Amino acid sequence: MPKLNDARWVKLSVDKLVAADWNYKVEDPDQEEKLIANIKRNGQVENILVRELESGFYEVINGNHRLDAFKKLGIPTAICYNFGETSDAQARRIAVETNEPKFRRDDAKLAVLIKEMMDGPGSEFTLEDLSTTMPFDRTALEGLVTIPGFDLDKFKKSNDKELANLAKKKEKKTPGVSITVHATCPDCGRKFKVSGKKK
């Protein structure tokens, strides 16, 4: 089992960090604004992954958008995890391995959390406020906060009844279904087809 290497955690000058020109994440001005607002609100809560370059600088393996935000906010230093001298292939592998394994969210549970941020004990946030730092716009948040009051059982019963009514209507419009069967005679091998209506 790999051991934690505390020596790899370093505080580096932002001026010594360079963005990876092979970063595959899409640029998104709206998300960039949210990230900047998030860092202003919470500070650096996620480390930046780097590798050492021969030039004495450190290339960012994971955290390129955070680096941009730090520069725009004038933050002078960043907490980084230094992989040391690492090959191009290994750096790219680390980038994908650390960026992609995200777990799916449970929208119903997320909706309850958001509702509690607004209405629960000690709540102090509005949809407008939450939309500035969360990866959702106001409309998406409005949709989410309606989920906790949604009666799923009532919806299922109503939907089942609706489907049953649709099936009855369809049966009335199409009393019989045309069927064609292709067959081969087991004695002579001759092929034939039989058509008819199923009631």
N, C-alpha and C. Protein backbone atom coordinates (compact mmCIF):
# COMPACT_ATOMS: atom_id res chain seq x y z
N MET A 1 0.85 -1.19 0.00
CA MET A 1 0.00 0.00 0.00
C MET A 1 0.89 1.25 0.00
N PRO A 2 0.58 2.22 -0.91
CA PRO A 2 1.44 3.41 -0.96
C PRO A 2 1.36 4.22 0.34
N LYS A 3 2.48 4.82 0.74
CA LYS A 3 2.51 5.65 1.94
C LYS A 3 2.37 7.12 1.55
N LEU A 4 1.77 7.88 2.45
CA LEU A 4 1.67 9.33 2.22
C LEU A 4 3.06 9.92 2.33
N ASN A 5 3.39 10.80 1.41
CA ASN A 5 4.70 11.43 1.43
C ASN A 5 4.52 12.91 1.75
N ASP A 6 4.65 13.25 3.03
CA ASP A 6 4.44 14.63 3.47
C ASP A 6 5.42 15.60 2.82
N ALA A 7 6.58 15.10 2.42
CA ALA A 7 7.60 15.98 1.82
C ALA A 7 7.14 16.54 0.48
N ARG A 8 6.17 15.91 -0.12
CA ARG A 8 5.70 16.38 -1.44
C ARG A 8 4.75 17.56 -1.34
N TRP A 9 4.22 17.83 -0.15
CA TRP A 9 3.33 18.99 0.03
C TRP A 9 4.20 20.22 0.20
N VAL A 10 4.04 21.17 -0.72
CA VAL A 10 4.89 22.36 -0.69
C VAL A 10 4.06 23.62 -0.92
N LYS A 11 4.58 24.71 -0.41
CA LYS A 11 3.96 26.01 -0.66
C LYS A 11 4.84 26.69 -1.70
N LEU A 12 4.26 26.99 -2.87
CA LEU A 12 5.05 27.55 -3.96
C LEU A 12 4.54 28.92 -4.37
N SER A 13 5.47 29.74 -4.85
CA SER A 13 5.08 31.04 -5.39
C SER A 13 4.29 30.81 -6.68
N VAL A 14 3.19 31.52 -6.81
CA VAL A 14 2.37 31.41 -8.02
C VAL A 14 3.19 31.77 -9.26
N ASP A 15 4.18 32.66 -9.09
CA ASP A 15 5.05 33.05 -10.21
C ASP A 15 5.91 31.90 -10.72
N LYS A 16 6.08 30.86 -9.90
CA LYS A 16 6.89 29.70 -10.31
C LYS A 16 6.04 28.61 -10.97
N LEU A 17 4.72 28.81 -11.05
CA LEU A 17 3.82 27.81 -11.63
C LEU A 17 3.48 28.19 -13.07
N VAL A 18 3.54 27.19 -13.94
CA VAL A 18 3.16 27.43 -15.35
C VAL A 18 2.02 26.47 -15.72
N ALA A 19 1.08 27.00 -16.48
CA ALA A 19 -0.06 26.19 -16.92
C ALA A 19 0.40 25.16 -17.94
N ALA A 20 -0.23 24.01 -17.92
CA ALA A 20 0.08 22.97 -18.92
C ALA A 20 -0.59 23.33 -20.24
N ASP A 21 0.21 23.40 -21.31
CA ASP A 21 -0.40 23.73 -22.60
C ASP A 21 -1.21 22.57 -23.17
N TRP A 22 -1.15 21.42 -22.53
CA TRP A 22 -1.90 20.25 -22.97
C TRP A 22 -3.17 20.03 -22.12
N ASN A 23 -3.48 20.98 -21.24
CA ASN A 23 -4.68 20.86 -20.40
C ASN A 23 -5.91 20.66 -21.29
N TYR A 24 -6.70 19.65 -21.01
CA TYR A 24 -7.82 19.30 -21.89
C TYR A 24 -9.17 19.83 -21.41
N LYS A 25 -9.20 20.52 -20.28
CA LYS A 25 -10.46 21.05 -19.77
C LYS A 25 -10.89 22.27 -20.58
N VAL A 26 -12.20 22.38 -20.80
CA VAL A 26 -12.76 23.45 -21.63
C VAL A 26 -12.76 24.78 -20.88
N GLU A 27 -12.45 25.84 -21.60
CA GLU A 27 -12.54 27.19 -21.01
C GLU A 27 -14.01 27.58 -20.94
N ASP A 28 -14.44 28.13 -19.82
CA ASP A 28 -15.83 28.53 -19.63
C ASP A 28 -15.84 29.78 -18.76
N PRO A 29 -16.09 30.95 -19.37
CA PRO A 29 -16.04 32.21 -18.60
C PRO A 29 -16.99 32.23 -17.40
N ASP A 30 -18.19 31.64 -17.54
CA ASP A 30 -19.14 31.62 -16.42
C ASP A 30 -18.58 30.80 -15.25
N GLN A 31 -18.02 29.62 -15.57
CA GLN A 31 -17.45 28.78 -14.52
C GLN A 31 -16.23 29.45 -13.90
N GLU A 32 -15.48 30.17 -14.74
CA GLU A 32 -14.30 30.88 -14.23
C GLU A 32 -14.72 31.93 -13.19
N GLU A 33 -15.80 32.66 -13.48
CA GLU A 33 -16.30 33.65 -12.52
C GLU A 33 -16.71 32.99 -11.22
N LYS A 34 -17.38 31.84 -11.32
CA LYS A 34 -17.82 31.12 -10.13
C LYS A 34 -16.61 30.62 -9.32
N LEU A 35 -15.60 30.13 -10.04
CA LEU A 35 -14.40 29.65 -9.36
C LEU A 35 -13.71 30.79 -8.61
N ILE A 36 -13.59 31.95 -9.25
CA ILE A 36 -12.97 33.12 -8.61
C ILE A 36 -13.77 33.51 -7.37
N ALA A 37 -15.11 33.54 -7.51
CA ALA A 37 -15.97 33.89 -6.37
C ALA A 37 -15.83 32.86 -5.25
N ASN A 38 -15.70 31.59 -5.64
CA ASN A 38 -15.55 30.52 -4.66
C ASN A 38 -14.24 30.66 -3.88
N ILE A 39 -13.16 30.94 -4.60
CA ILE A 39 -11.85 31.10 -3.94
C ILE A 39 -11.84 32.35 -3.07
N LYS A 40 -12.50 33.43 -3.51
CA LYS A 40 -12.62 34.63 -2.69
C LYS A 40 -13.34 34.32 -1.38
N ARG A 41 -14.37 33.49 -1.49
CA ARG A 41 -15.20 33.16 -0.32
C ARG A 41 -14.52 32.17 0.62
N ASN A 42 -13.91 31.11 0.05
CA ASN A 42 -13.41 30.00 0.87
C ASN A 42 -11.89 29.89 0.93
N GLY A 43 -11.18 30.64 0.10
CA GLY A 43 -9.73 30.49 0.03
C GLY A 43 -9.36 29.25 -0.77
N GLN A 44 -8.09 28.83 -0.70
CA GLN A 44 -7.65 27.63 -1.42
C GLN A 44 -8.05 26.40 -0.60
N VAL A 45 -9.04 25.67 -1.07
CA VAL A 45 -9.46 24.46 -0.37
C VAL A 45 -9.06 23.20 -1.14
N GLU A 46 -8.61 23.38 -2.37
CA GLU A 46 -8.11 22.25 -3.17
C GLU A 46 -6.67 22.54 -3.55
N ASN A 47 -5.81 21.54 -3.36
CA ASN A 47 -4.41 21.74 -3.71
C ASN A 47 -4.23 21.70 -5.23
N ILE A 48 -3.07 22.11 -5.67
CA ILE A 48 -2.71 22.08 -7.09
C ILE A 48 -1.64 21.00 -7.25
N LEU A 49 -1.78 20.17 -8.27
CA LEU A 49 -0.80 19.12 -8.53
C LEU A 49 0.22 19.64 -9.55
N VAL A 50 1.50 19.46 -9.25
CA VAL A 50 2.55 19.98 -10.13
C VAL A 50 3.65 18.95 -10.35
N ARG A 51 4.45 19.21 -11.35
CA ARG A 51 5.69 18.44 -11.56
C ARG A 51 6.83 19.43 -11.80
N GLU A 52 8.03 19.01 -11.47
CA GLU A 52 9.20 19.88 -11.61
C GLU A 52 9.68 19.89 -13.06
N LEU A 53 10.03 21.07 -13.54
CA LEU A 53 10.61 21.23 -14.88
C LEU A 53 12.09 21.54 -14.74
N GLU A 54 12.85 21.24 -15.78
CA GLU A 54 14.31 21.51 -15.75
C GLU A 54 14.60 22.98 -15.59
N SER A 55 13.66 23.83 -16.01
CA SER A 55 13.85 25.29 -15.93
C SER A 55 13.78 25.82 -14.50
N GLY A 56 13.36 24.97 -13.55
CA GLY A 56 13.19 25.43 -12.18
C GLY A 56 11.76 25.84 -11.87
N PHE A 57 10.92 25.83 -12.91
CA PHE A 57 9.50 26.12 -12.72
C PHE A 57 8.75 24.81 -12.48
N TYR A 58 7.47 24.94 -12.17
CA TYR A 58 6.61 23.77 -11.92
C TYR A 58 5.42 23.83 -12.86
N GLU A 59 5.21 22.75 -13.60
CA GLU A 59 4.05 22.69 -14.50
C GLU A 59 2.84 22.16 -13.73
N VAL A 60 1.70 22.80 -13.93
CA VAL A 60 0.48 22.38 -13.25
C VAL A 60 -0.13 21.19 -13.99
N ILE A 61 -0.23 20.07 -13.28
CA ILE A 61 -0.83 18.86 -13.84
C ILE A 61 -2.34 18.90 -13.65
N ASN A 62 -2.78 19.35 -12.48
CA ASN A 62 -4.21 19.48 -12.19
C ASN A 62 -4.37 20.75 -11.38
N GLY A 63 -5.17 21.69 -11.90
CA GLY A 63 -5.40 22.95 -11.20
C GLY A 63 -5.11 24.17 -12.05
N ASN A 64 -5.11 24.00 -13.38
CA ASN A 64 -4.80 25.12 -14.27
C ASN A 64 -5.80 26.27 -14.13
N HIS A 65 -7.09 25.97 -13.99
CA HIS A 65 -8.09 27.03 -13.83
C HIS A 65 -7.94 27.71 -12.47
N ARG A 66 -7.57 26.93 -11.45
CA ARG A 66 -7.31 27.52 -10.13
C ARG A 66 -6.11 28.46 -10.21
N LEU A 67 -5.08 28.06 -10.97
CA LEU A 67 -3.91 28.92 -11.13
C LEU A 67 -4.32 30.25 -11.77
N ASP A 68 -5.14 30.20 -12.82
CA ASP A 68 -5.62 31.43 -13.46
C ASP A 68 -6.36 32.31 -12.45
N ALA A 69 -7.22 31.66 -11.64
CA ALA A 69 -7.99 32.41 -10.63
C ALA A 69 -7.05 33.06 -9.61
N PHE A 70 -6.04 32.31 -9.15
CA PHE A 70 -5.08 32.86 -8.18
C PHE A 70 -4.40 34.10 -8.75
N LYS A 71 -4.00 34.02 -10.03
CA LYS A 71 -3.32 35.15 -10.67
C LYS A 71 -4.25 36.35 -10.75
N LYS A 72 -5.51 36.12 -11.12
CA LYS A 72 -6.47 37.23 -11.24
C LYS A 72 -6.78 37.84 -9.88
N LEU A 73 -6.74 37.02 -8.83
CA LEU A 73 -7.02 37.52 -7.48
C LEU A 73 -5.78 38.06 -6.78
N GLY A 74 -4.61 37.90 -7.41
CA GLY A 74 -3.37 38.39 -6.81
C GLY A 74 -2.91 37.56 -5.62
N ILE A 75 -3.27 36.28 -5.60
CA ILE A 75 -2.83 35.39 -4.52
C ILE A 75 -1.38 35.00 -4.81
N PRO A 76 -0.45 35.25 -3.89
CA PRO A 76 0.97 35.06 -4.20
C PRO A 76 1.49 33.63 -4.11
N THR A 77 0.87 32.80 -3.25
CA THR A 77 1.38 31.43 -3.07
C THR A 77 0.24 30.42 -3.14
N ALA A 78 0.61 29.17 -3.43
CA ALA A 78 -0.38 28.09 -3.52
C ALA A 78 0.17 26.85 -2.85
N ILE A 79 -0.72 26.10 -2.20
CA ILE A 79 -0.35 24.81 -1.63
C ILE A 79 -0.40 23.80 -2.78
N CYS A 80 0.70 23.08 -2.98
CA CYS A 80 0.80 22.16 -4.12
C CYS A 80 1.27 20.78 -3.67
N TYR A 81 0.94 19.80 -4.48
CA TYR A 81 1.50 18.46 -4.30
C TYR A 81 2.47 18.27 -5.45
N ASN A 82 3.75 18.11 -5.13
CA ASN A 82 4.81 18.07 -6.14
C ASN A 82 5.16 16.62 -6.48
N PHE A 83 4.91 16.22 -7.72
CA PHE A 83 5.27 14.88 -8.17
C PHE A 83 6.74 14.78 -8.57
N GLY A 84 7.47 15.88 -8.44
CA GLY A 84 8.90 15.86 -8.78
C GLY A 84 9.11 15.77 -10.28
N GLU A 85 10.23 15.15 -10.66
CA GLU A 85 10.53 14.98 -12.09
C GLU A 85 9.66 13.84 -12.60
N THR A 86 8.71 14.18 -13.43
CA THR A 86 7.71 13.22 -13.92
C THR A 86 7.64 13.30 -15.44
N SER A 87 7.54 12.18 -16.10
CA SER A 87 7.49 12.16 -17.57
C SER A 87 6.20 12.79 -18.08
N ASP A 88 6.22 13.17 -19.35
CA ASP A 88 5.01 13.73 -19.99
C ASP A 88 3.85 12.75 -19.89
N ALA A 89 4.11 11.50 -20.22
CA ALA A 89 3.04 10.50 -20.21
C ALA A 89 2.47 10.33 -18.80
N GLN A 90 3.36 10.27 -17.81
CA GLN A 90 2.90 10.10 -16.43
C GLN A 90 2.10 11.31 -15.97
N ALA A 91 2.55 12.52 -16.33
CA ALA A 91 1.83 13.74 -15.95
C ALA A 91 0.42 13.74 -16.54
N ARG A 92 0.31 13.34 -17.80
CA ARG A 92 -1.00 13.30 -18.45
C ARG A 92 -1.91 12.25 -17.80
N ARG A 93 -1.32 11.13 -17.44
CA ARG A 93 -2.10 10.08 -16.78
C ARG A 93 -2.63 10.58 -15.42
N ILE A 94 -1.77 11.24 -14.66
CA ILE A 94 -2.19 11.78 -13.36
C ILE A 94 -3.32 12.79 -13.55
N ALA A 95 -3.19 13.63 -14.58
CA ALA A 95 -4.23 14.65 -14.84
C ALA A 95 -5.59 14.00 -15.04
N VAL A 96 -5.64 12.98 -15.88
CA VAL A 96 -6.92 12.32 -16.16
C VAL A 96 -7.41 11.55 -14.93
N GLU A 97 -6.51 10.85 -14.27
CA GLU A 97 -6.90 10.05 -13.09
C GLU A 97 -7.44 10.92 -11.95
N THR A 98 -6.92 12.13 -11.81
CA THR A 98 -7.36 12.98 -10.70
C THR A 98 -8.52 13.90 -11.09
N ASN A 99 -8.71 14.14 -12.38
CA ASN A 99 -9.81 15.00 -12.84
C ASN A 99 -11.12 14.24 -13.02
N GLU A 100 -11.04 13.01 -13.48
CA GLU A 100 -12.24 12.33 -13.95
C GLU A 100 -13.04 11.48 -12.96
N PRO A 101 -12.44 10.86 -11.96
CA PRO A 101 -13.27 9.98 -11.12
C PRO A 101 -14.18 10.75 -10.18
N LYS A 102 -15.24 11.30 -10.74
CA LYS A 102 -16.22 12.03 -9.94
C LYS A 102 -17.45 11.14 -9.76
N PHE A 103 -17.98 11.11 -8.56
CA PHE A 103 -19.16 10.30 -8.29
C PHE A 103 -20.42 11.05 -8.74
N ARG A 104 -21.40 10.28 -9.23
CA ARG A 104 -22.67 10.88 -9.60
C ARG A 104 -23.33 11.46 -8.36
N ARG A 105 -24.10 12.51 -8.55
CA ARG A 105 -24.79 13.10 -7.41
C ARG A 105 -26.22 12.59 -7.32
N ASP A 106 -26.76 12.62 -6.12
CA ASP A 106 -28.15 12.28 -5.86
C ASP A 106 -28.89 13.62 -5.79
N ASP A 107 -29.64 13.96 -6.85
CA ASP A 107 -30.30 15.27 -6.91
C ASP A 107 -31.26 15.49 -5.76
N ALA A 108 -31.94 14.44 -5.30
CA ALA A 108 -32.90 14.60 -4.20
C ALA A 108 -32.16 15.01 -2.91
N LYS A 109 -31.02 14.36 -2.63
CA LYS A 109 -30.24 14.72 -1.43
C LYS A 109 -29.62 16.10 -1.58
N LEU A 110 -29.14 16.41 -2.79
CA LEU A 110 -28.56 17.73 -3.03
C LEU A 110 -29.62 18.81 -2.83
N ALA A 111 -30.83 18.54 -3.30
CA ALA A 111 -31.92 19.52 -3.16
C ALA A 111 -32.21 19.80 -1.69
N VAL A 112 -32.19 18.75 -0.86
CA VAL A 112 -32.44 18.93 0.58
C VAL A 112 -31.33 19.81 1.18
N LEU A 113 -30.07 19.55 0.80
CA LEU A 113 -28.96 20.36 1.33
C LEU A 113 -29.11 21.83 0.95
N ILE A 114 -29.46 22.08 -0.31
CA ILE A 114 -29.61 23.46 -0.76
C ILE A 114 -30.76 24.14 -0.03
N LYS A 115 -31.87 23.40 0.12
CA LYS A 115 -33.03 23.95 0.85
C LYS A 115 -32.65 24.28 2.30
N GLU A 116 -31.85 23.41 2.93
CA GLU A 116 -31.41 23.66 4.31
C GLU A 116 -30.49 24.87 4.40
N MET A 117 -29.70 25.11 3.34
CA MET A 117 -28.83 26.30 3.34
C MET A 117 -29.66 27.58 3.34
N MET A 118 -30.86 27.48 2.77
CA MET A 118 -31.73 28.65 2.65
C MET A 118 -32.76 28.77 3.78
N ASP A 119 -33.27 27.61 4.23
CA ASP A 119 -34.39 27.63 5.19
C ASP A 119 -34.09 26.96 6.52
N GLY A 120 -32.98 26.24 6.63
CA GLY A 120 -32.69 25.48 7.84
C GLY A 120 -32.15 26.35 8.96
N PRO A 121 -31.85 25.72 10.11
CA PRO A 121 -31.28 26.46 11.25
C PRO A 121 -29.98 27.16 10.84
N GLY A 122 -29.89 28.42 11.18
CA GLY A 122 -28.68 29.19 10.86
C GLY A 122 -28.55 29.52 9.38
N SER A 123 -29.63 29.32 8.63
CA SER A 123 -29.56 29.58 7.18
C SER A 123 -29.41 31.07 6.94
N GLU A 124 -28.68 31.39 5.88
CA GLU A 124 -28.43 32.80 5.59
C GLU A 124 -28.27 33.07 4.10
N PHE A 125 -28.52 32.07 3.28
CA PHE A 125 -28.22 32.23 1.86
C PHE A 125 -29.48 32.32 1.01
N THR A 126 -29.36 33.06 -0.09
CA THR A 126 -30.43 33.17 -1.07
C THR A 126 -30.01 32.41 -2.32
N LEU A 127 -30.96 32.14 -3.20
CA LEU A 127 -30.63 31.48 -4.47
C LEU A 127 -29.62 32.31 -5.25
N GLU A 128 -29.81 33.61 -5.22
CA GLU A 128 -28.90 34.51 -5.95
C GLU A 128 -27.47 34.37 -5.43
N ASP A 129 -27.34 34.36 -4.12
CA ASP A 129 -26.02 34.22 -3.49
C ASP A 129 -25.40 32.88 -3.83
N LEU A 130 -26.17 31.79 -3.69
CA LEU A 130 -25.64 30.45 -3.96
C LEU A 130 -25.22 30.29 -5.42
N SER A 131 -25.96 30.93 -6.32
CA SER A 131 -25.65 30.77 -7.75
C SER A 131 -24.33 31.44 -8.15
N THR A 132 -23.78 32.30 -7.29
CA THR A 132 -22.51 32.96 -7.64
C THR A 132 -21.31 32.06 -7.46
N THR A 133 -21.41 31.04 -6.57
CA THR A 133 -20.25 30.19 -6.31
C THR A 133 -20.49 28.72 -6.63
N MET A 134 -21.72 28.34 -6.84
CA MET A 134 -22.03 26.93 -7.14
C MET A 134 -22.08 26.70 -8.64
N PRO A 135 -21.88 25.46 -9.07
CA PRO A 135 -21.88 25.19 -10.52
C PRO A 135 -23.29 25.08 -11.11
N PHE A 136 -24.23 25.88 -10.58
CA PHE A 136 -25.60 25.90 -11.08
C PHE A 136 -26.01 27.35 -11.25
N ASP A 137 -26.81 27.63 -12.29
CA ASP A 137 -27.36 28.98 -12.38
C ASP A 137 -28.63 29.05 -11.53
N ARG A 138 -29.22 30.22 -11.43
CA ARG A 138 -30.39 30.42 -10.56
C ARG A 138 -31.55 29.52 -10.97
N THR A 139 -31.77 29.37 -12.27
CA THR A 139 -32.88 28.54 -12.75
C THR A 139 -32.72 27.09 -12.32
N ALA A 140 -31.49 26.55 -12.43
CA ALA A 140 -31.24 25.17 -12.00
C ALA A 140 -31.46 25.01 -10.51
N LEU A 141 -31.01 26.01 -9.73
CA LEU A 141 -31.21 25.95 -8.28
C LEU A 141 -32.70 26.01 -7.93
N GLU A 142 -33.45 26.85 -8.65
CA GLU A 142 -34.90 26.92 -8.40
C GLU A 142 -35.55 25.57 -8.65
N GLY A 143 -35.11 24.89 -9.72
CA GLY A 143 -35.64 23.56 -10.01
C GLY A 143 -35.28 22.56 -8.92
N LEU A 144 -34.04 22.64 -8.44
CA LEU A 144 -33.60 21.70 -7.40
C LEU A 144 -34.38 21.86 -6.10
N VAL A 145 -34.64 23.11 -5.70
CA VAL A 145 -35.29 23.30 -4.40
C VAL A 145 -36.76 22.89 -4.41
N THR A 146 -37.33 22.63 -5.58
CA THR A 146 -38.71 22.13 -5.62
C THR A 146 -38.77 20.63 -5.40
N ILE A 147 -37.65 19.93 -5.53
CA ILE A 147 -37.64 18.46 -5.42
C ILE A 147 -38.10 17.97 -4.05
N PRO A 148 -37.63 18.55 -2.92
CA PRO A 148 -38.06 17.99 -1.62
C PRO A 148 -39.57 17.99 -1.40
N GLY A 149 -40.31 18.91 -2.02
CA GLY A 149 -41.77 18.95 -1.84
C GLY A 149 -42.52 18.11 -2.86
N PHE A 150 -41.79 17.47 -3.75
CA PHE A 150 -42.41 16.69 -4.82
C PHE A 150 -42.89 15.35 -4.29
N ASP A 151 -44.16 15.01 -4.53
CA ASP A 151 -44.75 13.75 -4.04
C ASP A 151 -44.58 12.67 -5.11
N LEU A 152 -43.52 11.87 -4.99
CA LEU A 152 -43.19 10.87 -5.98
C LEU A 152 -44.27 9.79 -6.07
N ASP A 153 -44.79 9.35 -4.92
CA ASP A 153 -45.83 8.31 -4.92
C ASP A 153 -47.08 8.78 -5.66
N LYS A 154 -47.48 10.01 -5.39
CA LYS A 154 -48.66 10.58 -6.07
C LYS A 154 -48.41 10.65 -7.58
N PHE A 155 -47.18 11.06 -7.95
CA PHE A 155 -46.83 11.14 -9.36
C PHE A 155 -46.89 9.76 -10.02
N LYS A 156 -46.34 8.75 -9.33
CA LYS A 156 -46.34 7.38 -9.89
C LYS A 156 -47.75 6.88 -10.10
N LYS A 157 -48.63 7.09 -9.09
CA LYS A 157 -50.02 6.64 -9.22
C LYS A 157 -50.70 7.34 -10.38
N SER A 158 -50.52 8.65 -10.48
CA SER A 158 -51.11 9.43 -11.56
C SER A 158 -50.57 8.97 -12.91
N ASN A 159 -49.27 8.72 -12.97
CA ASN A 159 -48.63 8.30 -14.21
C ASN A 159 -49.11 6.91 -14.62
N ASP A 160 -49.23 5.99 -13.64
CA ASP A 160 -49.71 4.64 -13.93
C ASP A 160 -51.13 4.68 -14.50
N LYS A 161 -51.98 5.52 -13.90
CA LYS A 161 -53.36 5.66 -14.37
C LYS A 161 -53.39 6.22 -15.79
N GLU A 162 -52.55 7.24 -16.02
CA GLU A 162 -52.45 7.86 -17.35
C GLU A 162 -52.01 6.85 -18.40
N LEU A 163 -50.99 6.03 -18.07
CA LEU A 163 -50.51 5.01 -19.00
C LEU A 163 -51.59 3.97 -19.29
N ALA A 164 -52.34 3.58 -18.26
CA ALA A 164 -53.44 2.61 -18.45
C ALA A 164 -54.50 3.18 -19.38
N ASN A 165 -54.84 4.47 -19.20
CA ASN A 165 -55.83 5.11 -20.08
C ASN A 165 -55.35 5.18 -21.51
N LEU A 166 -54.07 5.50 -21.70
CA LEU A 166 -53.50 5.55 -23.06
C LEU A 166 -53.54 4.19 -23.73
N ALA A 167 -53.24 3.13 -22.96
CA ALA A 167 -53.26 1.77 -23.50
C ALA A 167 -54.67 1.39 -23.95
N LYS A 168 -55.69 1.77 -23.16
CA LYS A 168 -57.09 1.46 -23.52
C LYS A 168 -57.48 2.18 -24.80
N LYS A 169 -57.09 3.47 -24.90
CA LYS A 169 -57.40 4.25 -26.11
C LYS A 169 -56.75 3.63 -27.33
N LYS A 170 -55.52 3.18 -27.19
CA LYS A 170 -54.79 2.59 -28.31
C LYS A 170 -55.46 1.29 -28.75
N GLU A 171 -55.91 0.50 -27.78
CA GLU A 171 -56.59 -0.76 -28.09
C GLU A 171 -57.86 -0.51 -28.89
N LYS A 172 -58.60 0.55 -28.53
CA LYS A 172 -59.84 0.87 -29.23
C LYS A 172 -59.56 1.28 -30.67
N LYS A 173 -58.49 2.05 -30.87
CA LYS A 173 -58.16 2.51 -32.22
C LYS A 173 -57.61 1.38 -33.08
N THR A 174 -56.87 0.46 -32.51
CA THR A 174 -56.27 -0.64 -33.26
C THR A 174 -56.71 -1.97 -32.65
N PRO A 175 -57.94 -2.43 -33.01
CA PRO A 175 -58.45 -3.64 -32.39
C PRO A 175 -57.65 -4.89 -32.73
N GLY A 176 -57.02 -4.93 -33.87
CA GLY A 176 -56.22 -6.10 -34.25
C GLY A 176 -54.86 -5.69 -34.73
N VAL A 177 -53.89 -6.55 -34.53
CA VAL A 177 -52.52 -6.26 -34.96
C VAL A 177 -52.16 -7.23 -36.06
N SER A 178 -51.64 -6.70 -37.18
CA SER A 178 -51.24 -7.56 -38.29
C SER A 178 -49.95 -8.28 -37.94
N ILE A 179 -49.95 -9.60 -38.25
CA ILE A 179 -48.77 -10.42 -37.98
C ILE A 179 -48.43 -11.22 -39.22
N THR A 180 -47.16 -11.27 -39.53
CA THR A 180 -46.68 -12.11 -40.63
C THR A 180 -45.65 -13.07 -40.07
N VAL A 181 -45.87 -14.36 -40.35
CA VAL A 181 -44.95 -15.39 -39.86
C VAL A 181 -44.27 -16.03 -41.06
N HIS A 182 -42.94 -16.07 -41.03
CA HIS A 182 -42.18 -16.76 -42.07
C HIS A 182 -41.82 -18.15 -41.54
N ALA A 183 -42.09 -19.16 -42.37
CA ALA A 183 -41.85 -20.54 -41.91
C ALA A 183 -41.28 -21.39 -43.03
N THR A 184 -40.74 -22.53 -42.65
CA THR A 184 -40.21 -23.52 -43.61
C THR A 184 -40.86 -24.85 -43.30
N CYS A 185 -41.35 -25.52 -44.35
CA CYS A 185 -41.97 -26.82 -44.19
C CYS A 185 -40.89 -27.83 -43.78
N PRO A 186 -41.11 -28.58 -42.67
CA PRO A 186 -40.09 -29.52 -42.22
C PRO A 186 -39.93 -30.73 -43.14
N ASP A 187 -40.96 -31.01 -43.95
CA ASP A 187 -40.90 -32.18 -44.84
C ASP A 187 -40.21 -31.87 -46.16
N CYS A 188 -40.66 -30.77 -46.84
CA CYS A 188 -40.12 -30.49 -48.17
C CYS A 188 -39.13 -29.34 -48.21
N GLY A 189 -39.02 -28.55 -47.13
CA GLY A 189 -38.08 -27.44 -47.08
C GLY A 189 -38.59 -26.20 -47.78
N ARG A 190 -39.84 -26.21 -48.24
CA ARG A 190 -40.41 -25.06 -48.94
C ARG A 190 -40.69 -23.92 -47.95
N LYS A 191 -40.39 -22.68 -48.37
CA LYS A 191 -40.59 -21.52 -47.51
C LYS A 191 -41.93 -20.90 -47.84
N PHE A 192 -42.61 -20.40 -46.80
CA PHE A 192 -43.89 -19.74 -47.00
C PHE A 192 -44.11 -18.74 -45.87
N LYS A 193 -45.12 -17.87 -46.09
CA LYS A 193 -45.48 -16.93 -45.03
C LYS A 193 -46.97 -16.93 -44.83
N VAL A 194 -47.35 -16.68 -43.57
CA VAL A 194 -48.75 -16.64 -43.21
C VAL A 194 -49.01 -15.29 -42.56
N SER A 195 -50.04 -14.56 -43.05
CA SER A 195 -50.38 -13.27 -42.47
C SER A 195 -51.76 -13.34 -41.85
N GLY A 196 -51.96 -12.56 -40.81
CA GLY A 196 -53.25 -12.53 -40.17
C GLY A 196 -53.30 -11.44 -39.13
N LYS A 197 -54.43 -11.35 -38.44
CA LYS A 197 -54.59 -10.33 -37.40
C LYS A 197 -54.72 -10.99 -36.06
N LYS A 198 -54.00 -10.47 -35.11
CA LYS A 198 -54.10 -10.98 -33.74
C LYS A 198 -55.13 -10.11 -33.02
N LYS A 199 -56.08 -10.77 -32.35
CA LYS A 199 -57.13 -10.04 -31.66
C LYS A 199 -56.72 -9.70 -30.24
